[in-house]
Amino acid sequence: YKTPEKVAVHGSFDNIEVKDTKESNIPEEIL
């Protein structure tokens, strides 16, 4: 956010490595 009116600015990261995820029938366990 910027300016006193708190105008939104959007962005992202394109390169993220994620390790040690799981396969599961319980969705809470995957990450």
Full PDB file with SEQRES, HELIX, SHEET, SSBOND, CRYST1, ORIGX, SCALE, CONECT and MASTER records, all heavy atoms in Angstrom:
SEQRES   1 A   31  TYR LYS THR PRO GLU LYS VAL ALA VAL HIS GLY SER PHE          
SEQRES   2 A   31  ASP ASN ILE GLU VAL LYS ASP THR LYS GLU SER ASN ILE          
SEQRES   3 A   31  PRO GLU GLU ILE LEU                                          
HELIX    1 AA1 PRO A   27  GLU A   29  5                                   3    
CRYST1    1.000    1.000    1.000  90.00  90.00  90.00 P 1           1          
ORIGX1      1.000000  0.000000  0.000000        0.00000                         
ORIGX2      0.000000  1.000000  0.000000        0.00000                         
ORIGX3      0.000000  0.000000  1.000000        0.00000                         
SCALE1      1.000000  0.000000  0.000000        0.00000                         
SCALE2      0.000000  1.000000  0.000000        0.00000                         
SCALE3      0.000000  0.000000  1.000000        0.00000                         
ATOM      1  N   TYR A   1       0.821  -1.207   0.000  1.00  0.00           N  
ATOM      2  CA  TYR A   1       0.000   0.000   0.000  1.00  0.00           C  
ATOM      3  C   TYR A   1       0.852   1.253   0.000  1.00  0.00           C  
ATOM      4  O   TYR A   1       1.926   1.305   0.604  1.00  0.00           O  
ATOM      5  CB  TYR A   1      -0.919  -0.011   1.222  1.00  0.00           C  
ATOM      6  CG  TYR A   1      -1.719  -1.275   1.335  1.00  0.00           C  
ATOM      7  CD1 TYR A   1      -1.266  -2.340   2.116  1.00  0.00           C  
ATOM      8  CD2 TYR A   1      -2.897  -1.445   0.625  1.00  0.00           C  
ATOM      9  CE1 TYR A   1      -1.980  -3.519   2.194  1.00  0.00           C  
ATOM     10  CE2 TYR A   1      -3.619  -2.622   0.690  1.00  0.00           C  
ATOM     11  CZ  TYR A   1      -3.155  -3.664   1.484  1.00  0.00           C  
ATOM     12  OH  TYR A   1      -3.861  -4.838   1.562  1.00  0.00           O  
ATOM     13  N   LYS A   2       0.328   2.278  -0.688  1.00  0.00           N  
ATOM     14  CA  LYS A   2       1.013   3.572  -0.763  1.00  0.00           C  
ATOM     15  C   LYS A   2      -0.018   4.692  -0.694  1.00  0.00           C  
ATOM     16  O   LYS A   2      -1.223   4.450  -0.897  1.00  0.00           O  
ATOM     17  CB  LYS A   2       1.813   3.678  -2.053  1.00  0.00           C  
ATOM     18  CG  LYS A   2       0.957   3.648  -3.331  1.00  0.00           C  
ATOM     19  CD  LYS A   2       1.806   3.739  -4.573  1.00  0.00           C  
ATOM     20  CE  LYS A   2       0.947   3.786  -5.824  1.00  0.00           C  
ATOM     21  NZ  LYS A   2       1.761   3.874  -7.060  1.00  0.00           N  
ATOM     22  N   THR A   3       0.442   5.893  -0.426  1.00  0.00           N  
ATOM     23  CA  THR A   3      -0.331   7.129  -0.293  1.00  0.00           C  
ATOM     24  C   THR A   3      -1.170   7.093   0.977  1.00  0.00           C  
ATOM     25  O   THR A   3      -1.500   6.016   1.500  1.00  0.00           O  
ATOM     26  CB  THR A   3      -1.250   7.406  -1.510  1.00  0.00           C  
ATOM     27  OG1 THR A   3      -2.431   6.621  -1.421  1.00  0.00           O  
ATOM     28  CG2 THR A   3      -0.542   7.176  -2.815  1.00  0.00           C  
ATOM     29  N   PRO A   4      -1.559   8.254   1.493  1.00  0.00           N  
ATOM     30  CA  PRO A   4      -2.392   8.291   2.710  1.00  0.00           C  
ATOM     31  C   PRO A   4      -3.716   7.556   2.553  1.00  0.00           C  
ATOM     32  O   PRO A   4      -4.282   7.078   3.544  1.00  0.00           O  
ATOM     33  CB  PRO A   4      -2.610   9.800   2.919  1.00  0.00           C  
ATOM     34  CG  PRO A   4      -1.415  10.442   2.299  1.00  0.00           C  
ATOM     35  CD  PRO A   4      -1.109   9.609   1.083  1.00  0.00           C  
ATOM     36  N   GLU A   5      -4.200   7.436   1.304  1.00  0.00           N  
ATOM     37  CA  GLU A   5      -5.463   6.722   1.067  1.00  0.00           C  
ATOM     38  C   GLU A   5      -5.279   5.216   1.046  1.00  0.00           C  
ATOM     39  O   GLU A   5      -6.233   4.465   0.910  1.00  0.00           O  
ATOM     40  CB  GLU A   5      -6.087   7.177  -0.260  1.00  0.00           C  
ATOM     41  CG  GLU A   5      -6.615   8.602  -0.255  1.00  0.00           C  
ATOM     42  CD  GLU A   5      -5.498   9.635  -0.281  1.00  0.00           C  
ATOM     43  OE1 GLU A   5      -4.408   9.317  -0.827  1.00  0.00           O  
ATOM     44  OE2 GLU A   5      -5.703  10.746   0.242  1.00  0.00           O  
ATOM     45  N   LYS A   6      -4.063   4.753   1.197  1.00  0.00           N  
ATOM     46  CA  LYS A   6      -3.712   3.332   1.212  1.00  0.00           C  
ATOM     47  C   LYS A   6      -4.143   2.634  -0.084  1.00  0.00           C  
ATOM     48  O   LYS A   6      -4.878   1.647  -0.092  1.00  0.00           O  
ATOM     49  CB  LYS A   6      -4.304   2.614   2.436  1.00  0.00           C  
ATOM     50  CG  LYS A   6      -3.499   1.382   2.843  1.00  0.00           C  
ATOM     51  CD  LYS A   6      -3.909   0.840   4.200  1.00  0.00           C  
ATOM     52  CE  LYS A   6      -2.943  -0.272   4.641  1.00  0.00           C  
ATOM     53  NZ  LYS A   6      -3.288  -0.814   5.968  1.00  0.00           N  
ATOM     54  N   VAL A   7      -3.637   3.168  -1.185  1.00  0.00           N  
ATOM     55  CA  VAL A   7      -3.896   2.581  -2.500  1.00  0.00           C  
ATOM     56  C   VAL A   7      -3.106   1.284  -2.640  1.00  0.00           C  
ATOM     57  O   VAL A   7      -1.925   1.220  -2.300  1.00  0.00           O  
ATOM     58  CB  VAL A   7      -3.505   3.575  -3.613  1.00  0.00           C  
ATOM     59  CG1 VAL A   7      -3.631   2.933  -4.992  1.00  0.00           C  
ATOM     60  CG2 VAL A   7      -4.363   4.829  -3.523  1.00  0.00           C  
ATOM     61  N   ALA A   8      -3.756   0.233  -3.146  1.00  0.00           N  
ATOM     62  CA  ALA A   8      -3.135  -1.090  -3.247  1.00  0.00           C  
ATOM     63  C   ALA A   8      -2.165  -1.179  -4.415  1.00  0.00           C  
ATOM     64  O   ALA A   8      -2.377  -0.605  -5.481  1.00  0.00           O  
ATOM     65  CB  ALA A   8      -4.204  -2.161  -3.387  1.00  0.00           C  
ATOM     66  N   VAL A   9      -1.075  -1.927  -4.198  1.00  0.00           N  
ATOM     67  CA  VAL A   9      -0.108  -2.269  -5.242  1.00  0.00           C  
ATOM     68  C   VAL A   9       0.075  -3.786  -5.200  1.00  0.00           C  
ATOM     69  O   VAL A   9       0.228  -4.355  -4.130  1.00  0.00           O  
ATOM     70  CB  VAL A   9       1.253  -1.587  -4.991  1.00  0.00           C  
ATOM     71  CG1 VAL A   9       2.221  -1.899  -6.123  1.00  0.00           C  
ATOM     72  CG2 VAL A   9       1.076  -0.088  -4.843  1.00  0.00           C  
ATOM     73  N   HIS A  10       0.054  -4.427  -6.359  1.00  0.00           N  
ATOM     74  CA  HIS A  10       0.075  -5.890  -6.407  1.00  0.00           C  
ATOM     75  C   HIS A  10       1.366  -6.411  -7.032  1.00  0.00           C  
ATOM     76  O   HIS A  10       1.958  -5.770  -7.904  1.00  0.00           O  
ATOM     77  CB  HIS A  10      -1.125  -6.404  -7.197  1.00  0.00           C  
ATOM     78  CG  HIS A  10      -2.437  -5.916  -6.675  1.00  0.00           C  
ATOM     79  ND1 HIS A  10      -2.997  -6.391  -5.506  1.00  0.00           N  
ATOM     80  CD2 HIS A  10      -3.288  -4.966  -7.141  1.00  0.00           C  
ATOM     81  CE1 HIS A  10      -4.143  -5.771  -5.286  1.00  0.00           C  
ATOM     82  NE2 HIS A  10      -4.342  -4.897  -6.261  1.00  0.00           N  
ATOM     83  N   GLY A  11       1.779  -7.592  -6.610  1.00  0.00           N  
ATOM     84  CA  GLY A  11       2.969  -8.213  -7.161  1.00  0.00           C  
ATOM     85  C   GLY A  11       3.064  -9.673  -6.764  1.00  0.00           C  
ATOM     86  O   GLY A  11       2.129 -10.236  -6.173  1.00  0.00           O  
ATOM     87  N   SER A  12       4.200 -10.290  -7.079  1.00  0.00           N  
ATOM     88  CA  SER A  12       4.387 -11.713  -6.791  1.00  0.00           C  
ATOM     89  C   SER A  12       5.871 -12.055  -6.825  1.00  0.00           C  
ATOM     90  O   SER A  12       6.704 -11.245  -7.225  1.00  0.00           O  
ATOM     91  CB  SER A  12       3.651 -12.576  -7.818  1.00  0.00           C  
ATOM     92  OG  SER A  12       4.202 -12.376  -9.111  1.00  0.00           O  
ATOM     93  N   PHE A  13       6.188 -13.286  -6.373  1.00  0.00           N  
ATOM     94  CA  PHE A  13       7.506 -13.890  -6.574  1.00  0.00           C  
ATOM     95  C   PHE A  13       7.318 -15.057  -7.537  1.00  0.00           C  
ATOM     96  O   PHE A  13       6.371 -15.829  -7.410  1.00  0.00           O  
ATOM     97  CB  PHE A  13       8.088 -14.413  -5.264  1.00  0.00           C  
ATOM     98  CG  PHE A  13       8.578 -13.335  -4.336  1.00  0.00           C  
ATOM     99  CD1 PHE A  13       7.865 -13.009  -3.195  1.00  0.00           C  
ATOM    100  CD2 PHE A  13       9.752 -12.663  -4.595  1.00  0.00           C  
ATOM    101  CE1 PHE A  13       8.314 -12.027  -2.331  1.00  0.00           C  
ATOM    102  CE2 PHE A  13      10.218 -11.680  -3.733  1.00  0.00           C  
ATOM    103  CZ  PHE A  13       9.494 -11.360  -2.600  1.00  0.00           C  
ATOM    104  N   ASP A  14       8.233 -15.212  -8.478  1.00  0.00           N  
ATOM    105  CA  ASP A  14       8.098 -16.263  -9.483  1.00  0.00           C  
ATOM    106  C   ASP A  14       8.943 -17.498  -9.203  1.00  0.00           C  
ATOM    107  O   ASP A  14       8.717 -18.538  -9.806  1.00  0.00           O  
ATOM    108  CB  ASP A  14       8.477 -15.711 -10.867  1.00  0.00           C  
ATOM    109  CG  ASP A  14       7.443 -14.724 -11.391  1.00  0.00           C  
ATOM    110  OD1 ASP A  14       6.301 -14.763 -10.919  1.00  0.00           O  
ATOM    111  OD2 ASP A  14       7.795 -13.914 -12.282  1.00  0.00           O  
ATOM    112  N   ASN A  15       9.926 -17.388  -8.318  1.00  0.00           N  
ATOM    113  CA  ASN A  15      10.828 -18.518  -8.094  1.00  0.00           C  
ATOM    114  C   ASN A  15      10.846 -18.877  -6.617  1.00  0.00           C  
ATOM    115  O   ASN A  15      11.490 -18.214  -5.816  1.00  0.00           O  
ATOM    116  CB  ASN A  15      12.240 -18.173  -8.572  1.00  0.00           C  
ATOM    117  CG  ASN A  15      13.159 -19.379  -8.541  1.00  0.00           C  
ATOM    118  OD1 ASN A  15      12.742 -20.484  -8.202  1.00  0.00           O  
ATOM    119  ND2 ASN A  15      14.426 -19.176  -8.870  1.00  0.00           N  
ATOM    120  N   ILE A  16      10.106 -19.922  -6.271  1.00  0.00           N  
ATOM    121  CA  ILE A  16      10.025 -20.391  -4.889  1.00  0.00           C  
ATOM    122  C   ILE A  16      10.147 -21.910  -4.882  1.00  0.00           C  
ATOM    123  O   ILE A  16       9.435 -22.606  -5.592  1.00  0.00           O  
ATOM    124  CB  ILE A  16       8.709 -19.985  -4.229  1.00  0.00           C  
ATOM    125  CG1 ILE A  16       8.526 -18.475  -4.296  1.00  0.00           C  
ATOM    126  CG2 ILE A  16       8.650 -20.451  -2.788  1.00  0.00           C  
ATOM    127  CD1 ILE A  16       7.140 -18.014  -3.947  1.00  0.00           C  
ATOM    128  N   GLU A  17      11.052 -22.397  -4.081  1.00  0.00           N  
ATOM    129  CA  GLU A  17      11.236 -23.845  -3.948  1.00  0.00           C  
ATOM    130  C   GLU A  17      10.543 -24.329  -2.677  1.00  0.00           C  
ATOM    131  O   GLU A  17      10.766 -23.786  -1.599  1.00  0.00           O  
ATOM    132  CB  GLU A  17      12.714 -24.194  -3.891  1.00  0.00           C  
ATOM    133  CG  GLU A  17      12.985 -25.685  -3.826  1.00  0.00           C  
ATOM    134  CD  GLU A  17      14.468 -26.003  -3.801  1.00  0.00           C  
ATOM    135  OE1 GLU A  17      15.278 -25.074  -3.593  1.00  0.00           O  
ATOM    136  OE2 GLU A  17      14.807 -27.186  -3.980  1.00  0.00           O  
ATOM    137  N   VAL A  18       9.701 -25.343  -2.816  1.00  0.00           N  
ATOM    138  CA  VAL A  18       8.978 -25.907  -1.679  1.00  0.00           C  
ATOM    139  C   VAL A  18       9.378 -27.371  -1.531  1.00  0.00           C  
ATOM    140  O   VAL A  18       9.325 -28.135  -2.493  1.00  0.00           O  
ATOM    141  CB  VAL A  18       7.450 -25.791  -1.860  1.00  0.00           C  
ATOM    142  CG1 VAL A  18       6.720 -26.374  -0.652  1.00  0.00           C  
ATOM    143  CG2 VAL A  18       7.049 -24.338  -2.075  1.00  0.00           C  
ATOM    144  N   LYS A  19       9.806 -27.744  -0.332  1.00  0.00           N  
ATOM    145  CA  LYS A  19      10.252 -29.109  -0.070  1.00  0.00           C  
ATOM    146  C   LYS A  19       9.417 -29.754   1.028  1.00  0.00           C  
ATOM    147  O   LYS A  19       8.783 -29.074   1.828  1.00  0.00           O  
ATOM    148  CB  LYS A  19      11.727 -29.115   0.361  1.00  0.00           C  
ATOM    149  CG  LYS A  19      12.699 -28.618  -0.690  1.00  0.00           C  
ATOM    150  CD  LYS A  19      14.121 -28.665  -0.168  1.00  0.00           C  
ATOM    151  CE  LYS A  19      15.133 -28.208  -1.201  1.00  0.00           C  
ATOM    152  NZ  LYS A  19      16.523 -28.258  -0.670  1.00  0.00           N  
ATOM    153  N   ASP A  20       9.470 -31.086   1.058  1.00  0.00           N  
ATOM    154  CA  ASP A  20       8.872 -31.886   2.139  1.00  0.00           C  
ATOM    155  C   ASP A  20       7.355 -31.779   2.197  1.00  0.00           C  
ATOM    156  O   ASP A  20       6.759 -31.826   3.274  1.00  0.00           O  
ATOM    157  CB  ASP A  20       9.471 -31.496   3.499  1.00  0.00           C  
ATOM    158  CG  ASP A  20      10.973 -31.684   3.540  1.00  0.00           C  
ATOM    159  OD1 ASP A  20      11.458 -32.671   2.962  1.00  0.00           O  
ATOM    160  OD2 ASP A  20      11.663 -30.831   4.136  1.00  0.00           O  
ATOM    161  N   THR A  21       6.714 -31.631   1.035  1.00  0.00           N  
ATOM    162  CA  THR A  21       5.251 -31.727   0.998  1.00  0.00           C  
ATOM    163  C   THR A  21       4.860 -33.202   1.067  1.00  0.00           C  
ATOM    164  O   THR A  21       5.682 -34.088   0.862  1.00  0.00           O  
ATOM    165  CB  THR A  21       4.686 -31.088  -0.278  1.00  0.00           C  
ATOM    166  OG1 THR A  21       5.178 -31.798  -1.425  1.00  0.00           O  
ATOM    167  CG2 THR A  21       5.100 -29.624  -0.376  1.00  0.00           C  
ATOM    168  N   LYS A  22       3.588 -33.455   1.332  1.00  0.00           N  
ATOM    169  CA  LYS A  22       3.122 -34.830   1.504  1.00  0.00           C  
ATOM    170  C   LYS A  22       1.982 -35.128   0.545  1.00  0.00           C  
ATOM    171  O   LYS A  22       1.295 -34.222   0.071  1.00  0.00           O  
ATOM    172  CB  LYS A  22       2.628 -35.062   2.936  1.00  0.00           C  
ATOM    173  CG  LYS A  22       3.643 -34.765   4.037  1.00  0.00           C  
ATOM    174  CD  LYS A  22       3.024 -35.021   5.403  1.00  0.00           C  
ATOM    175  CE  LYS A  22       3.987 -34.691   6.533  1.00  0.00           C  
ATOM    176  NZ  LYS A  22       4.198 -33.216   6.663  1.00  0.00           N  
ATOM    177  N   GLU A  23       1.782 -36.406   0.284  1.00  0.00           N  
ATOM    178  CA  GLU A  23       0.576 -36.887  -0.392  1.00  0.00           C  
ATOM    179  C   GLU A  23      -0.347 -37.431   0.684  1.00  0.00           C  
ATOM    180  O   GLU A  23       0.066 -38.236   1.512  1.00  0.00           O  
ATOM    181  CB  GLU A  23       0.924 -37.975  -1.399  1.00  0.00           C  
ATOM    182  CG  GLU A  23       1.838 -37.491  -2.520  1.00  0.00           C  
ATOM    183  CD  GLU A  23       2.224 -38.603  -3.481  1.00  0.00           C  
ATOM    184  OE1 GLU A  23       1.740 -39.754  -3.268  1.00  0.00           O  
ATOM    185  OE2 GLU A  23       2.989 -38.341  -4.421  1.00  0.00           O  
ATOM    186  N   SER A  24      -1.591 -36.970   0.683  1.00  0.00           N  
ATOM    187  CA  SER A  24      -2.493 -37.366   1.763  1.00  0.00           C  
ATOM    188  C   SER A  24      -3.941 -37.211   1.321  1.00  0.00           C  
ATOM    189  O   SER A  24      -4.264 -36.409   0.439  1.00  0.00           O  
ATOM    190  CB  SER A  24      -2.243 -36.499   3.005  1.00  0.00           C  
ATOM    191  OG  SER A  24      -3.142 -36.846   4.050  1.00  0.00           O  
ATOM    192  N   ASN A  25      -4.822 -37.997   1.955  1.00  0.00           N  
ATOM    193  CA  ASN A  25      -6.254 -37.810   1.747  1.00  0.00           C  
ATOM    194  C   ASN A  25      -6.826 -36.811   2.747  1.00  0.00           C  
ATOM    195  O   ASN A  25      -8.021 -36.536   2.745  1.00  0.00           O  
ATOM    196  CB  ASN A  25      -7.000 -39.143   1.847  1.00  0.00           C  
ATOM    197  CG  ASN A  25      -6.853 -39.791   3.221  1.00  0.00           C  
ATOM    198  OD1 ASN A  25      -5.963 -39.421   4.003  1.00  0.00           O  
ATOM    199  ND2 ASN A  25      -7.716 -40.740   3.530  1.00  0.00           N  
ATOM    200  N   ILE A  26      -5.963 -36.278   3.603  1.00  0.00           N  
ATOM    201  CA  ILE A  26      -6.349 -35.221   4.537  1.00  0.00           C  
ATOM    202  C   ILE A  26      -5.674 -33.946   4.061  1.00  0.00           C  
ATOM    203  O   ILE A  26      -4.452 -33.817   4.156  1.00  0.00           O  
ATOM    204  CB  ILE A  26      -5.920 -35.549   5.982  1.00  0.00           C  
ATOM    205  CG1 ILE A  26      -6.548 -36.873   6.426  1.00  0.00           C  
ATOM    206  CG2 ILE A  26      -6.290 -34.410   6.931  1.00  0.00           C  
ATOM    207  CD1 ILE A  26      -6.050 -37.355   7.783  1.00  0.00           C  
ATOM    208  N   PRO A  27      -6.412 -32.988   3.523  1.00  0.00           N  
ATOM    209  CA  PRO A  27      -5.781 -31.825   2.882  1.00  0.00           C  
ATOM    210  C   PRO A  27      -4.895 -31.010   3.814  1.00  0.00           C  
ATOM    211  O   PRO A  27      -3.899 -30.425   3.375  1.00  0.00           O  
ATOM    212  CB  PRO A  27      -6.975 -31.001   2.372  1.00  0.00           C  
ATOM    213  CG  PRO A  27      -8.163 -31.519   3.118  1.00  0.00           C  
ATOM    214  CD  PRO A  27      -7.884 -32.958   3.410  1.00  0.00           C  
ATOM    215  N   GLU A  28      -5.213 -30.974   5.122  1.00  0.00           N  
ATOM    216  CA  GLU A  28      -4.394 -30.211   6.066  1.00  0.00           C  
ATOM    217  C   GLU A  28      -2.968 -30.749   6.196  1.00  0.00           C  
ATOM    218  O   GLU A  28      -2.067 -30.027   6.634  1.00  0.00           O  
ATOM    219  CB  GLU A  28      -5.041 -30.200   7.454  1.00  0.00           C  
ATOM    220  CG  GLU A  28      -6.210 -29.256   7.614  1.00  0.00           C  
ATOM    221  CD  GLU A  28      -7.523 -29.873   7.166  1.00  0.00           C  
ATOM    222  OE1 GLU A  28      -7.501 -31.007   6.637  1.00  0.00           O  
ATOM    223  OE2 GLU A  28      -8.568 -29.241   7.334  1.00  0.00           O  
ATOM    224  N   GLU A  29      -2.759 -32.001   5.831  1.00  0.00           N  
ATOM    225  CA  GLU A  29      -1.447 -32.621   6.020  1.00  0.00           C  
ATOM    226  C   GLU A  29      -0.483 -32.362   4.867  1.00  0.00           C  
ATOM    227  O   GLU A  29       0.726 -32.579   5.008  1.00  0.00           O  
ATOM    228  CB  GLU A  29      -1.609 -34.134   6.199  1.00  0.00           C  
ATOM    229  CG  GLU A  29      -2.333 -34.519   7.483  1.00  0.00           C  
ATOM    230  CD  GLU A  29      -2.422 -36.027   7.649  1.00  0.00           C  
ATOM    231  OE1 GLU A  29      -2.076 -36.750   6.685  1.00  0.00           O  
ATOM    232  OE2 GLU A  29      -2.848 -36.475   8.729  1.00  0.00           O  
ATOM    233  N   ILE A  30      -0.964 -31.884   3.727  1.00  0.00           N  
ATOM    234  CA  ILE A  30      -0.144 -31.815   2.521  1.00  0.00           C  
ATOM    235  C   ILE A  30       1.021 -30.843   2.671  1.00  0.00           C  
ATOM    236  O   ILE A  30       2.154 -31.127   2.260  1.00  0.00           O  
ATOM    237  CB  ILE A  30      -1.031 -31.453   1.315  1.00  0.00           C  
ATOM    238  CG1 ILE A  30      -2.031 -32.598   1.060  1.00  0.00           C  
ATOM    239  CG2 ILE A  30      -0.180 -31.189   0.074  1.00  0.00           C  
ATOM    240  CD1 ILE A  30      -3.084 -32.288   0.022  1.00  0.00           C  
ATOM    241  N   LEU A  31       0.786 -29.683   3.268  1.00  0.00           N  
ATOM    242  CA  LEU A  31       1.837 -28.674   3.427  1.00  0.00           C  
ATOM    243  C   LEU A  31       2.378 -28.602   4.854  1.00  0.00           C  
ATOM    244  O   LEU A  31       3.308 -27.831   5.111  1.00  0.00           O  
ATOM    245  CB  LEU A  31       1.329 -27.299   3.002  1.00  0.00           C  
ATOM    246  CG  LEU A  31       1.142 -27.084   1.498  1.00  0.00           C  
ATOM    247  CD1 LEU A  31       0.470 -25.745   1.222  1.00  0.00           C  
ATOM    248  CD2 LEU A  31       2.483 -27.160   0.782  1.00  0.00           C  
TER     249      LEU A  31                                                      
MASTER        0    0    0    1    0    0    0    6  248    1    0    3          
END                                                                             
